[in-house]
PDB file of all heavy atoms in Angstrom:
ATOM      1  N   GLY A   1       8.796  24.365 -60.447  1.00  0.00           N
ATOM      2  CA  GLY A   1       9.638  25.154 -59.554  1.00  0.00           C
ATOM      3  C   GLY A   1       9.195  26.594 -59.344  1.00  0.00           C
ATOM      4  O   GLY A   1       9.856  27.339 -58.616  1.00  0.00           O
ATOM      5  N   ALA A   2       8.081  27.012 -59.937  1.00  0.00           N
ATOM      6  CA  ALA A   2       7.612  28.398 -59.791  1.00  0.00           C
ATOM      7  C   ALA A   2       7.099  28.654 -58.371  1.00  0.00           C
ATOM      8  O   ALA A   2       6.421  27.817 -57.776  1.00  0.00           O
ATOM      9  CB  ALA A   2       6.508  28.689 -60.801  1.00  0.00           C
ATOM     10  N   SER A   3       7.432  29.812 -57.830  1.00  0.00           N
ATOM     11  CA  SER A   3       6.924  30.221 -56.517  1.00  0.00           C
ATOM     12  C   SER A   3       5.570  30.906 -56.699  1.00  0.00           C
ATOM     13  O   SER A   3       5.357  31.611 -57.686  1.00  0.00           O
ATOM     14  CB  SER A   3       7.890  31.188 -55.848  1.00  0.00           C
ATOM     15  OG  SER A   3       9.100  30.543 -55.560  1.00  0.00           O
ATOM     16  N   PHE A   4       4.671  30.687 -55.735  1.00  0.00           N
ATOM     17  CA  PHE A   4       3.363  31.353 -55.773  1.00  0.00           C
ATOM     18  C   PHE A   4       2.839  31.487 -54.351  1.00  0.00           C
ATOM     19  O   PHE A   4       3.343  30.858 -53.418  1.00  0.00           O
ATOM     20  CB  PHE A   4       2.373  30.611 -56.681  1.00  0.00           C
ATOM     21  CG  PHE A   4       1.988  29.227 -56.204  1.00  0.00           C
ATOM     22  CD1 PHE A   4       0.787  29.011 -55.535  1.00  0.00           C
ATOM     23  CD2 PHE A   4       2.806  28.124 -56.456  1.00  0.00           C
ATOM     24  CE1 PHE A   4       0.422  27.735 -55.116  1.00  0.00           C
ATOM     25  CE2 PHE A   4       2.450  26.851 -56.046  1.00  0.00           C
ATOM     26  CZ  PHE A   4       1.250  26.648 -55.378  1.00  0.00           C
ATOM     27  N   THR A   5       1.838  32.321 -54.199  1.00  0.00           N
ATOM     28  CA  THR A   5       1.223  32.554 -52.883  1.00  0.00           C
ATOM     29  C   THR A   5      -0.249  32.181 -52.961  1.00  0.00           C
ATOM     30  O   THR A   5      -0.956  32.596 -53.873  1.00  0.00           O
ATOM     31  CB  THR A   5       1.358  34.037 -52.494  1.00  0.00           C
ATOM     32  OG1 THR A   5       2.753  34.377 -52.496  1.00  0.00           O
ATOM     33  CG2 THR A   5       0.793  34.295 -51.116  1.00  0.00           C
ATOM     34  N   LYS A   6      -0.696  31.377 -52.016  1.00  0.00           N
ATOM     35  CA  LYS A   6      -2.099  30.966 -51.926  1.00  0.00           C
ATOM     36  C   LYS A   6      -2.705  31.657 -50.717  1.00  0.00           C
ATOM     37  O   LYS A   6      -2.135  31.640 -49.623  1.00  0.00           O
ATOM     38  CB  LYS A   6      -2.198  29.440 -51.763  1.00  0.00           C
ATOM     39  CG  LYS A   6      -3.588  28.911 -51.501  1.00  0.00           C
ATOM     40  CD  LYS A   6      -4.433  28.899 -52.757  1.00  0.00           C
ATOM     41  CE  LYS A   6      -5.780  28.251 -52.488  1.00  0.00           C
ATOM     42  NZ  LYS A   6      -6.499  27.919 -53.700  1.00  0.00           N
ATOM     43  N   THR A   7      -3.857  32.317 -50.917  1.00  0.00           N
ATOM     44  CA  THR A   7      -4.564  32.962 -49.814  1.00  0.00           C
ATOM     45  C   THR A   7      -5.998  32.442 -49.771  1.00  0.00           C
ATOM     46  O   THR A   7      -6.688  32.452 -50.791  1.00  0.00           O
ATOM     47  CB  THR A   7      -4.591  34.495 -49.985  1.00  0.00           C
ATOM     48  OG1 THR A   7      -3.247  34.970 -50.004  1.00  0.00           O
ATOM     49  CG2 THR A   7      -5.340  35.165 -48.847  1.00  0.00           C
ATOM     50  N   TRP A   8      -6.395  31.969 -48.605  1.00  0.00           N
ATOM     51  CA  TRP A   8      -7.788  31.576 -48.374  1.00  0.00           C
ATOM     52  C   TRP A   8      -8.404  32.629 -47.462  1.00  0.00           C
ATOM     53  O   TRP A   8      -7.784  33.057 -46.484  1.00  0.00           O
ATOM     54  CB  TRP A   8      -7.877  30.243 -47.654  1.00  0.00           C
ATOM     55  CG  TRP A   8      -7.333  29.073 -48.394  1.00  0.00           C
ATOM     56  CD1 TRP A   8      -7.958  28.344 -49.363  1.00  0.00           C
ATOM     57  CD2 TRP A   8      -6.056  28.456 -48.202  1.00  0.00           C
ATOM     58  NE1 TRP A   8      -7.150  27.328 -49.786  1.00  0.00           N
ATOM     59  CE2 TRP A   8      -5.969  27.363 -49.093  1.00  0.00           C
ATOM     60  CE3 TRP A   8      -4.973  28.725 -47.371  1.00  0.00           C
ATOM     61  CZ2 TRP A   8      -4.853  26.549 -49.165  1.00  0.00           C
ATOM     62  CZ3 TRP A   8      -3.866  27.920 -47.449  1.00  0.00           C
ATOM     63  CH2 TRP A   8      -3.810  26.842 -48.329  1.00  0.00           C
ATOM     64  N   THR A   9      -9.620  33.030 -47.742  1.00  0.00           N
ATOM     65  CA  THR A   9     -10.363  33.886 -46.822  1.00  0.00           C
ATOM     66  C   THR A   9     -11.423  33.008 -46.175  1.00  0.00           C
ATOM     67  O   THR A   9     -12.245  32.387 -46.861  1.00  0.00           O
ATOM     68  CB  THR A   9     -11.028  35.065 -47.560  1.00  0.00           C
ATOM     69  OG1 THR A   9     -10.005  35.818 -48.219  1.00  0.00           O
ATOM     70  CG2 THR A   9     -11.772  35.964 -46.576  1.00  0.00           C
ATOM     71  N   LEU A  10     -11.376  32.940 -44.838  1.00  0.00           N
ATOM     72  CA  LEU A  10     -12.329  32.137 -44.075  1.00  0.00           C
ATOM     73  C   LEU A  10     -13.112  33.043 -43.136  1.00  0.00           C
ATOM     74  O   LEU A  10     -12.575  34.020 -42.617  1.00  0.00           O
ATOM     75  CB  LEU A  10     -11.605  31.074 -43.247  1.00  0.00           C
ATOM     76  CG  LEU A  10     -10.783  30.046 -44.025  1.00  0.00           C
ATOM     77  CD1 LEU A  10     -10.132  29.074 -43.061  1.00  0.00           C
ATOM     78  CD2 LEU A  10     -11.647  29.310 -45.027  1.00  0.00           C
ATOM     79  N   ARG A  11     -14.358  32.695 -42.921  1.00  0.00           N
ATOM     80  CA  ARG A  11     -15.209  33.431 -41.975  1.00  0.00           C
ATOM     81  C   ARG A  11     -15.398  32.572 -40.724  1.00  0.00           C
ATOM     82  O   ARG A  11     -15.680  31.381 -40.816  1.00  0.00           O
ATOM     83  CB  ARG A  11     -16.573  33.737 -42.607  1.00  0.00           C
ATOM     84  CG  ARG A  11     -17.508  34.504 -41.656  1.00  0.00           C
ATOM     85  CD  ARG A  11     -18.712  35.072 -42.372  1.00  0.00           C
ATOM     86  NE  ARG A  11     -18.219  36.067 -43.322  1.00  0.00           N
ATOM     87  CZ  ARG A  11     -18.631  36.141 -44.596  1.00  0.00           C
ATOM     88  NH1 ARG A  11     -19.535  35.333 -45.068  1.00  0.00           N
ATOM     89  NH2 ARG A  11     -18.124  37.071 -45.398  1.00  0.00           N
ATOM     90  N   ASN A  12     -15.244  33.186 -39.570  1.00  0.00           N
ATOM     91  CA  ASN A  12     -15.498  32.514 -38.299  1.00  0.00           C
ATOM     92  C   ASN A  12     -17.018  32.442 -38.126  1.00  0.00           C
ATOM     93  O   ASN A  12     -17.662  33.416 -37.761  1.00  0.00           O
ATOM     94  CB  ASN A  12     -14.846  33.291 -37.149  1.00  0.00           C
ATOM     95  CG  ASN A  12     -15.085  32.642 -35.807  1.00  0.00           C
ATOM     96  OD1 ASN A  12     -15.906  31.737 -35.660  1.00  0.00           O
ATOM     97  ND2 ASN A  12     -14.379  33.125 -34.790  1.00  0.00           N
ATOM     98  N   THR A  13     -17.606  31.278 -38.419  1.00  0.00           N
ATOM     99  CA  THR A  13     -19.053  31.096 -38.288  1.00  0.00           C
ATOM    100  C   THR A  13     -19.425  30.329 -37.020  1.00  0.00           C
ATOM    101  O   THR A  13     -20.569  29.929 -36.856  1.00  0.00           O
ATOM    102  CB  THR A  13     -19.626  30.373 -39.530  1.00  0.00           C
ATOM    103  OG1 THR A  13     -18.893  29.170 -39.750  1.00  0.00           O
ATOM    104  CG2 THR A  13     -19.558  31.257 -40.755  1.00  0.00           C
ATOM    105  N   GLY A  14     -18.464  30.165 -36.127  1.00  0.00           N
ATOM    106  CA  GLY A  14     -18.740  29.553 -34.837  1.00  0.00           C
ATOM    107  C   GLY A  14     -19.023  30.625 -33.797  1.00  0.00           C
ATOM    108  O   GLY A  14     -19.290  31.782 -34.136  1.00  0.00           O
ATOM    109  N   THR A  15     -18.937  30.245 -32.539  1.00  0.00           N
ATOM    110  CA  THR A  15     -19.191  31.186 -31.448  1.00  0.00           C
ATOM    111  C   THR A  15     -17.943  31.503 -30.641  1.00  0.00           C
ATOM    112  O   THR A  15     -17.993  32.330 -29.738  1.00  0.00           O
ATOM    113  CB  THR A  15     -20.280  30.633 -30.508  1.00  0.00           C
ATOM    114  OG1 THR A  15     -19.867  29.350 -30.015  1.00  0.00           O
ATOM    115  CG2 THR A  15     -21.616  30.499 -31.234  1.00  0.00           C
ATOM    116  N   CYS A  16     -16.829  30.849 -30.953  1.00  0.00           N
ATOM    117  CA  CYS A  16     -15.562  31.096 -30.248  1.00  0.00           C
ATOM    118  C   CYS A  16     -14.732  32.131 -31.001  1.00  0.00           C
ATOM    119  O   CYS A  16     -14.725  32.149 -32.224  1.00  0.00           O
ATOM    120  CB  CYS A  16     -14.727  29.817 -30.174  1.00  0.00           C
ATOM    121  SG  CYS A  16     -15.446  28.522 -29.172  1.00  0.00           S
ATOM    122  N   ASP A  17     -14.009  32.959 -30.247  1.00  0.00           N
ATOM    123  CA  ASP A  17     -13.024  33.852 -30.860  1.00  0.00           C
ATOM    124  C   ASP A  17     -11.823  33.013 -31.273  1.00  0.00           C
ATOM    125  O   ASP A  17     -11.430  32.091 -30.565  1.00  0.00           O
ATOM    126  CB  ASP A  17     -12.542  34.910 -29.840  1.00  0.00           C
ATOM    127  CG  ASP A  17     -13.647  35.863 -29.430  1.00  0.00           C
ATOM    128  OD1 ASP A  17     -14.638  35.985 -30.162  1.00  0.00           O
ATOM    129  OD2 ASP A  17     -13.499  36.491 -28.367  1.00  0.00           O
ATOM    130  N   TRP A  18     -11.219  33.334 -32.415  1.00  0.00           N
ATOM    131  CA  TRP A  18      -9.959  32.713 -32.822  1.00  0.00           C
ATOM    132  C   TRP A  18      -8.863  33.688 -32.428  1.00  0.00           C
ATOM    133  O   TRP A  18      -8.826  34.810 -32.906  1.00  0.00           O
ATOM    134  CB  TRP A  18      -9.904  32.485 -34.319  1.00  0.00           C
ATOM    135  CG  TRP A  18     -10.993  31.627 -34.890  1.00  0.00           C
ATOM    136  CD1 TRP A  18     -11.871  30.829 -34.219  1.00  0.00           C
ATOM    137  CD2 TRP A  18     -11.320  31.491 -36.274  1.00  0.00           C
ATOM    138  NE1 TRP A  18     -12.717  30.199 -35.082  1.00  0.00           N
ATOM    139  CE2 TRP A  18     -12.400  30.595 -36.369  1.00  0.00           C
ATOM    140  CE3 TRP A  18     -10.800  32.032 -37.442  1.00  0.00           C
ATOM    141  CZ2 TRP A  18     -12.968  30.228 -37.579  1.00  0.00           C
ATOM    142  CZ3 TRP A  18     -11.366  31.668 -38.651  1.00  0.00           C
ATOM    143  CH2 TRP A  18     -12.426  30.772 -38.722  1.00  0.00           C
ATOM    144  N   ASN A  19      -7.957  33.267 -31.560  1.00  0.00           N
ATOM    145  CA  ASN A  19      -6.875  34.179 -31.176  1.00  0.00           C
ATOM    146  C   ASN A  19      -5.689  34.007 -32.128  1.00  0.00           C
ATOM    147  O   ASN A  19      -5.680  33.123 -32.978  1.00  0.00           O
ATOM    148  CB  ASN A  19      -6.486  33.983 -29.699  1.00  0.00           C
ATOM    149  CG  ASN A  19      -5.899  32.617 -29.425  1.00  0.00           C
ATOM    150  OD1 ASN A  19      -5.052  32.125 -30.162  1.00  0.00           O
ATOM    151  ND2 ASN A  19      -6.345  31.985 -28.345  1.00  0.00           N
ATOM    152  N   ASP A  20      -4.698  34.862 -31.965  1.00  0.00           N
ATOM    153  CA  ASP A  20      -3.571  34.842 -32.896  1.00  0.00           C
ATOM    154  C   ASP A  20      -2.616  33.662 -32.656  1.00  0.00           C
ATOM    155  O   ASP A  20      -1.598  33.537 -33.327  1.00  0.00           O
ATOM    156  CB  ASP A  20      -2.812  36.171 -32.890  1.00  0.00           C
ATOM    157  CG  ASP A  20      -2.284  36.544 -31.517  1.00  0.00           C
ATOM    158  OD1 ASP A  20      -2.392  35.732 -30.575  1.00  0.00           O
ATOM    159  OD2 ASP A  20      -1.750  37.654 -31.384  1.00  0.00           O
ATOM    160  N   GLU A  21      -2.965  32.783 -31.725  1.00  0.00           N
ATOM    161  CA  GLU A  21      -2.215  31.539 -31.551  1.00  0.00           C
ATOM    162  C   GLU A  21      -2.846  30.399 -32.357  1.00  0.00           C
ATOM    163  O   GLU A  21      -2.296  29.309 -32.426  1.00  0.00           O
ATOM    164  CB  GLU A  21      -2.141  31.165 -30.071  1.00  0.00           C
ATOM    165  CG  GLU A  21      -1.294  32.136 -29.259  1.00  0.00           C
ATOM    166  CD  GLU A  21      -1.251  31.773 -27.783  1.00  0.00           C
ATOM    167  OE1 GLU A  21      -1.629  30.633 -27.420  1.00  0.00           O
ATOM    168  OE2 GLU A  21      -0.861  32.638 -26.999  1.00  0.00           O
ATOM    169  N   TYR A  22      -4.030  30.637 -32.940  1.00  0.00           N
ATOM    170  CA  TYR A  22      -4.612  29.663 -33.857  1.00  0.00           C
ATOM    171  C   TYR A  22      -3.727  29.650 -35.097  1.00  0.00           C
ATOM    172  O   TYR A  22      -3.037  30.624 -35.394  1.00  0.00           O
ATOM    173  CB  TYR A  22      -6.034  30.063 -34.242  1.00  0.00           C
ATOM    174  CG  TYR A  22      -7.095  29.714 -33.221  1.00  0.00           C
ATOM    175  CD1 TYR A  22      -6.889  29.870 -31.857  1.00  0.00           C
ATOM    176  CD2 TYR A  22      -8.329  29.250 -33.635  1.00  0.00           C
ATOM    177  CE1 TYR A  22      -7.871  29.568 -30.938  1.00  0.00           C
ATOM    178  CE2 TYR A  22      -9.320  28.943 -32.720  1.00  0.00           C
ATOM    179  CZ  TYR A  22      -9.088  29.103 -31.367  1.00  0.00           C
ATOM    180  OH  TYR A  22     -10.073  28.796 -30.467  1.00  0.00           O
ATOM    181  N   LYS A  23      -3.759  28.543 -35.824  1.00  0.00           N
ATOM    182  CA  LYS A  23      -2.880  28.457 -36.989  1.00  0.00           C
ATOM    183  C   LYS A  23      -3.527  27.645 -38.100  1.00  0.00           C
ATOM    184  O   LYS A  23      -4.517  26.954 -37.900  1.00  0.00           O
ATOM    185  CB  LYS A  23      -1.544  27.859 -36.591  1.00  0.00           C
ATOM    186  CG  LYS A  23      -1.634  26.501 -35.928  1.00  0.00           C
ATOM    187  CD  LYS A  23      -0.303  26.103 -35.339  1.00  0.00           C
ATOM    188  CE  LYS A  23      -0.482  24.963 -34.351  1.00  0.00           C
ATOM    189  NZ  LYS A  23       0.699  24.742 -33.564  1.00  0.00           N
ATOM    190  N   ILE A  24      -2.930  27.765 -39.261  1.00  0.00           N
ATOM    191  CA  ILE A  24      -3.263  26.902 -40.378  1.00  0.00           C
ATOM    192  C   ILE A  24      -2.106  25.929 -40.482  1.00  0.00           C
ATOM    193  O   ILE A  24      -0.940  26.333 -40.476  1.00  0.00           O
ATOM    194  CB  ILE A  24      -3.525  27.677 -41.685  1.00  0.00           C
ATOM    195  CG1 ILE A  24      -3.993  26.706 -42.747  1.00  0.00           C
ATOM    196  CG2 ILE A  24      -2.354  28.515 -42.108  1.00  0.00           C
ATOM    197  CD1 ILE A  24      -4.842  27.333 -43.820  1.00  0.00           C
ATOM    198  N   SER A  25      -2.418  24.621 -40.514  1.00  0.00           N
ATOM    199  CA  SER A  25      -1.391  23.580 -40.482  1.00  0.00           C
ATOM    200  C   SER A  25      -1.512  22.684 -41.697  1.00  0.00           C
ATOM    201  O   SER A  25      -2.616  22.377 -42.147  1.00  0.00           O
ATOM    202  CB  SER A  25      -1.554  22.713 -39.231  1.00  0.00           C
ATOM    203  OG  SER A  25      -1.457  23.490 -38.069  1.00  0.00           O
ATOM    204  N   PHE A  26      -0.361  22.236 -42.182  1.00  0.00           N
ATOM    205  CA  PHE A  26      -0.369  21.261 -43.271  1.00  0.00           C
ATOM    206  C   PHE A  26      -0.930  19.958 -42.739  1.00  0.00           C
ATOM    207  O   PHE A  26      -0.562  19.498 -41.660  1.00  0.00           O
ATOM    208  CB  PHE A  26       1.045  21.049 -43.820  1.00  0.00           C
ATOM    209  CG  PHE A  26       1.089  20.020 -44.902  1.00  0.00           C
ATOM    210  CD1 PHE A  26       0.567  20.294 -46.157  1.00  0.00           C
ATOM    211  CD2 PHE A  26       1.630  18.773 -44.652  1.00  0.00           C
ATOM    212  CE1 PHE A  26       0.582  19.334 -47.156  1.00  0.00           C
ATOM    213  CE2 PHE A  26       1.659  17.815 -45.644  1.00  0.00           C
ATOM    214  CZ  PHE A  26       1.133  18.078 -46.896  1.00  0.00           C
ATOM    215  N   LYS A  27      -1.847  19.347 -43.505  1.00  0.00           N
ATOM    216  CA  LYS A  27      -2.494  18.111 -43.074  1.00  0.00           C
ATOM    217  C   LYS A  27      -2.016  16.914 -43.881  1.00  0.00           C
ATOM    218  O   LYS A  27      -1.580  15.917 -43.334  1.00  0.00           O
ATOM    219  CB  LYS A  27      -4.004  18.259 -43.195  1.00  0.00           C
ATOM    220  CG  LYS A  27      -4.784  17.041 -42.789  1.00  0.00           C
ATOM    221  CD  LYS A  27      -6.274  17.265 -42.928  1.00  0.00           C
ATOM    222  CE  LYS A  27      -7.026  16.000 -42.598  1.00  0.00           C
ATOM    223  NZ  LYS A  27      -8.436  16.135 -42.843  1.00  0.00           N
ATOM    224  N   SER A  28      -2.130  17.009 -45.221  1.00  0.00           N
ATOM    225  CA  SER A  28      -1.758  15.862 -46.049  1.00  0.00           C
ATOM    226  C   SER A  28      -1.640  16.282 -47.510  1.00  0.00           C
ATOM    227  O   SER A  28      -1.972  17.403 -47.867  1.00  0.00           O
ATOM    228  CB  SER A  28      -2.806  14.746 -45.917  1.00  0.00           C
ATOM    229  OG  SER A  28      -4.057  15.183 -46.429  1.00  0.00           O
ATOM    230  N   GLY A  29      -1.175  15.337 -48.319  1.00  0.00           N
ATOM    231  CA  GLY A  29      -1.040  15.611 -49.740  1.00  0.00           C
ATOM    232  C   GLY A  29       0.331  16.178 -50.050  1.00  0.00           C
ATOM    233  O   GLY A  29       1.331  15.785 -49.456  1.00  0.00           O
ATOM    234  N   ASP A  30       0.362  17.136 -50.978  1.00  0.00           N
ATOM    235  CA  ASP A  30       1.610  17.750 -51.430  1.00  0.00           C
ATOM    236  C   ASP A  30       1.824  19.080 -50.710  1.00  0.00           C
ATOM    237  O   ASP A  30       1.038  20.007 -50.867  1.00  0.00           O
ATOM    238  CB  ASP A  30       1.539  17.968 -52.946  1.00  0.00           C
ATOM    239  CG  ASP A  30       1.318  16.651 -53.670  1.00  0.00           C
ATOM    240  OD1 ASP A  30       2.194  15.779 -53.574  1.00  0.00           O
ATOM    241  OD2 ASP A  30       0.255  16.500 -54.309  1.00  0.00           O
ATOM    242  N   GLN A  31       2.872  19.179 -49.930  1.00  0.00           N
ATOM    243  CA  GLN A  31       3.142  20.372 -49.125  1.00  0.00           C
ATOM    244  C   GLN A  31       3.680  21.529 -49.960  1.00  0.00           C
ATOM    245  O   GLN A  31       3.551  22.682 -49.588  1.00  0.00           O
ATOM    246  CB  GLN A  31       4.091  20.030 -47.976  1.00  0.00           C
ATOM    247  CG  GLN A  31       4.115  21.072 -46.896  1.00  0.00           C
ATOM    248  CD  GLN A  31       4.772  20.569 -45.614  1.00  0.00           C
ATOM    249  OE1 GLN A  31       5.131  19.400 -45.495  1.00  0.00           O
ATOM    250  NE2 GLN A  31       4.916  21.448 -44.655  1.00  0.00           N
ATOM    251  N   MET A  32       4.265  21.243 -51.087  1.00  0.00           N
ATOM    252  CA  MET A  32       4.760  22.248 -52.030  1.00  0.00           C
ATOM    253  C   MET A  32       5.650  23.301 -51.370  1.00  0.00           C
ATOM    254  O   MET A  32       5.552  24.492 -51.673  1.00  0.00           O
ATOM    255  CB  MET A  32       3.587  22.910 -52.762  1.00  0.00           C
ATOM    256  CG  MET A  32       2.789  21.945 -53.619  1.00  0.00           C
ATOM    257  SD  MET A  32       1.426  22.732 -54.455  1.00  0.00           S
ATOM    258  CE  MET A  32       0.066  21.726 -53.895  1.00  0.00           C
ATOM    259  N   GLY A  33       6.508  22.859 -50.472  1.00  0.00           N
ATOM    260  CA  GLY A  33       7.450  23.773 -49.840  1.00  0.00           C
ATOM    261  C   GLY A  33       6.835  24.686 -48.799  1.00  0.00           C
ATOM    262  O   GLY A  33       7.513  25.565 -48.255  1.00  0.00           O
ATOM    263  N   GLY A  34       5.569  24.495 -48.502  1.00  0.00           N
ATOM    264  CA  GLY A  34       4.905  25.332 -47.491  1.00  0.00           C
ATOM    265  C   GLY A  34       5.328  24.950 -46.081  1.00  0.00           C
ATOM    266  O   GLY A  34       5.895  23.880 -45.854  1.00  0.00           O
ATOM    267  N   PRO A  35       5.047  25.823 -45.100  1.00  0.00           N
ATOM    268  CA  PRO A  35       5.431  25.535 -43.710  1.00  0.00           C
ATOM    269  C   PRO A  35       4.552  24.431 -43.110  1.00  0.00           C
ATOM    270  O   PRO A  35       3.465  24.160 -43.608  1.00  0.00           O
ATOM    271  CB  PRO A  35       5.169  26.870 -43.006  1.00  0.00           C
ATOM    272  CG  PRO A  35       4.087  27.503 -43.815  1.00  0.00           C
ATOM    273  CD  PRO A  35       4.338  27.090 -45.233  1.00  0.00           C
ATOM    274  N   ASP A  36       5.037  23.823 -42.043  1.00  0.00           N
ATOM    275  CA  ASP A  36       4.229  22.830 -41.329  1.00  0.00           C
ATOM    276  C   ASP A  36       3.009  23.503 -40.697  1.00  0.00           C
ATOM    277  O   ASP A  36       1.928  22.927 -40.656  1.00  0.00           O
ATOM    278  CB  ASP A  36       5.042  22.135 -40.235  1.00  0.00           C
ATOM    279  CG  ASP A  36       6.118  21.216 -40.809  1.00  0.00           C
ATOM    280  OD1 ASP A  36       5.948  20.727 -41.946  1.00  0.00           O
ATOM    281  OD2 ASP A  36       7.130  20.999 -40.120  1.00  0.00           O
TER     282      ASP A  36
END
């Protein structure tokens, strides 16, 4: 039941800009109370 924060740092190694409408989405496994 402990709360924690997970942060990933990713580098854009493609050629497209990522705008602020891009998102990180839950895919599978254990969601652990995180957002969709």
